[in-house]
Amino acid sequence: MPQAQPELKKYLEKRVLVQLNGSRKVMGILRGYDVYLNIVLDDALEEKAGGEKVRIGMVVIRGNAVVMLEALDRINQDRATLEHGRDDDDDDDDDDEEQGIRLGETRPALQGRRGDANGV
């Protein structure tokens, strides 16, 4: 049994494109998955060669056939990114203190902020 669980929670109930071995593609709503990456898609469409799409309804796809899984719906951002995101108010006097941050970056410590003991 695999040790690690696939991290697909954020894709649940979202429309996804699954590329399978043999250059096959299936699109549908991800309803479930397990530790082996077996996935359940609902309202699934298989894209045939030439662009033809065939409705196949609900389908279970074995994990060993999955090559790639791509979200077609927007996935919610990380909560920390939302909290430290861009300051959208019209007050421009502190824009240098409130900056957006990309995932994977660290936010530098702010020195001398107003209200600090060392501030101006």
Protein backbone atom coordinates (compact mmCIF):
# COMPACT_ATOMS: atom_id res chain seq x y z
CA MET A 1 0.00 0.00 0.00
CA PRO A 2 1.37 3.48 -0.85
CA GLN A 3 2.57 5.54 2.10
CA ALA A 4 1.45 9.00 0.93
CA GLN A 5 -2.09 10.08 0.10
CA PRO A 6 -2.47 12.07 -3.16
CA GLU A 7 -3.19 15.72 -2.35
CA LEU A 8 -6.29 16.20 -4.49
CA LYS A 9 -8.69 17.68 -1.91
CA LYS A 10 -8.60 21.10 -3.59
CA TYR A 11 -9.69 19.48 -6.87
CA LEU A 12 -12.77 17.73 -5.43
CA GLU A 13 -16.06 18.90 -6.97
CA LYS A 14 -14.09 20.75 -9.68
CA ARG A 15 -13.99 20.08 -13.41
CA VAL A 16 -10.71 18.40 -14.35
CA LEU A 17 -8.97 17.10 -17.45
CA VAL A 18 -7.29 13.72 -16.99
CA GLN A 19 -4.71 12.60 -19.53
CA LEU A 20 -4.38 8.84 -19.65
CA ASN A 21 -1.76 6.55 -21.12
CA GLY A 22 -2.31 5.92 -24.82
CA SER A 23 -2.94 9.66 -25.45
CA ARG A 24 -6.51 9.43 -24.15
CA LYS A 25 -8.23 12.39 -22.45
CA VAL A 26 -11.24 12.43 -20.14
CA MET A 27 -12.91 15.53 -18.66
CA GLY A 28 -15.33 15.51 -15.76
CA ILE A 29 -16.09 16.55 -12.19
CA LEU A 30 -13.76 14.91 -9.66
CA ARG A 31 -15.99 13.17 -7.10
CA GLY A 32 -13.43 10.99 -5.33
CA TYR A 33 -9.99 9.38 -5.24
CA ASP A 34 -7.93 6.96 -3.17
CA VAL A 35 -4.31 6.32 -2.20
CA TYR A 36 -3.67 4.56 -5.53
CA LEU A 37 -4.85 7.63 -7.50
CA ASN A 38 -7.92 5.71 -8.67
CA ILE A 39 -10.35 8.55 -9.43
CA VAL A 40 -14.09 8.90 -9.88
CA LEU A 41 -15.32 11.44 -12.45
CA ASP A 42 -18.94 12.48 -12.91
CA ASP A 43 -20.49 14.01 -16.07
CA ALA A 44 -17.41 12.71 -17.88
CA LEU A 45 -16.60 13.28 -21.56
CA GLU A 46 -13.94 11.35 -23.45
CA GLU A 47 -12.18 13.35 -26.14
CA LYS A 48 -11.58 11.15 -29.18
CA ALA A 49 -9.03 11.70 -31.94
CA GLY A 50 -10.22 14.52 -34.18
CA GLY A 51 -11.83 16.44 -31.30
CA GLU A 52 -15.06 14.40 -31.09
CA LYS A 53 -16.39 14.24 -27.51
CA VAL A 54 -18.35 11.25 -26.24
CA ARG A 55 -20.41 11.51 -23.04
CA ILE A 56 -19.56 8.59 -20.74
CA GLY A 57 -21.29 9.75 -17.51
CA MET A 58 -19.77 8.55 -14.23
CA VAL A 59 -16.52 6.64 -14.58
CA VAL A 60 -13.82 5.13 -12.37
CA ILE A 61 -10.29 5.48 -13.76
CA ARG A 62 -7.48 3.29 -12.45
CA GLY A 63 -4.61 5.27 -11.00
CA ASN A 64 -1.93 3.46 -12.99
CA ALA A 65 -3.52 4.81 -16.22
CA VAL A 66 -3.36 8.47 -15.10
CA VAL A 67 -0.54 10.48 -16.67
CA MET A 68 -1.68 13.99 -15.67
CA LEU A 69 -4.58 15.71 -13.92
CA GLU A 70 -5.32 19.38 -14.73
CA ALA A 71 -7.93 21.66 -13.14
CA LEU A 72 -10.32 23.27 -15.61
CA ASP A 73 -12.17 25.22 -12.90
CA ARG A 74 -10.54 27.90 -10.76
CA ILE A 75 -8.96 26.52 -7.60
CA ASN A 76 -9.16 28.66 -4.44
CA GLN A 77 -5.91 30.34 -3.43
CA ASP A 78 -4.04 29.50 -0.27
CA ARG A 79 -5.53 31.38 2.73
CA ALA A 80 -2.15 32.96 3.65
CA THR A 81 -1.89 34.41 0.14
CA LEU A 82 -5.34 35.95 0.45
CA GLU A 83 -4.56 37.49 3.85
CA HIS A 84 -1.28 39.02 2.65
CA GLY A 85 -2.53 39.92 -0.80
CA ARG A 86 -2.67 43.34 -2.45
CA ASP A 87 -4.18 46.18 -0.44
CA ASP A 88 -7.08 47.33 -2.64
CA ASP A 89 -8.21 50.34 -0.63
CA ASP A 90 -7.58 53.83 -2.02
CA ASP A 91 -5.35 54.82 0.90
CA ASP A 92 -1.91 55.04 -0.76
CA ASP A 93 0.08 56.19 2.28
CA ASP A 94 1.04 52.67 3.34
CA ASP A 95 1.30 50.82 0.02
CA ASP A 96 4.99 50.17 0.65
CA GLU A 97 4.07 48.17 3.77
CA GLU A 98 1.31 46.05 2.23
CA GLN A 99 2.67 44.04 -0.68
CA GLY A 100 1.37 40.90 -2.39
CA ILE A 101 3.28 37.70 -1.89
CA ARG A 102 3.61 34.77 -4.28
CA LEU A 103 3.39 31.20 -3.06
CA GLY A 104 6.80 29.88 -2.09
CA GLU A 105 8.24 33.33 -1.30
CA THR A 106 8.89 34.63 2.17
CA ARG A 107 7.72 38.04 3.29
CA PRO A 108 10.57 40.25 4.53
CA ALA A 109 10.25 41.66 8.04
CA LEU A 110 9.20 45.30 8.04
CA GLN A 111 11.49 47.60 9.98
CA GLY A 112 10.39 50.83 11.62
CA ARG A 113 6.65 50.53 11.03
CA ARG A 114 4.42 53.20 12.53
CA GLY A 115 3.42 52.23 16.02
CA ASP A 116 6.56 50.17 16.65
CA ALA A 117 8.94 51.22 19.41
CA ASN A 118 11.59 51.79 16.75
CA GLY A 119 9.19 53.56 14.36
CA VAL A 120 9.26 57.19 13.36
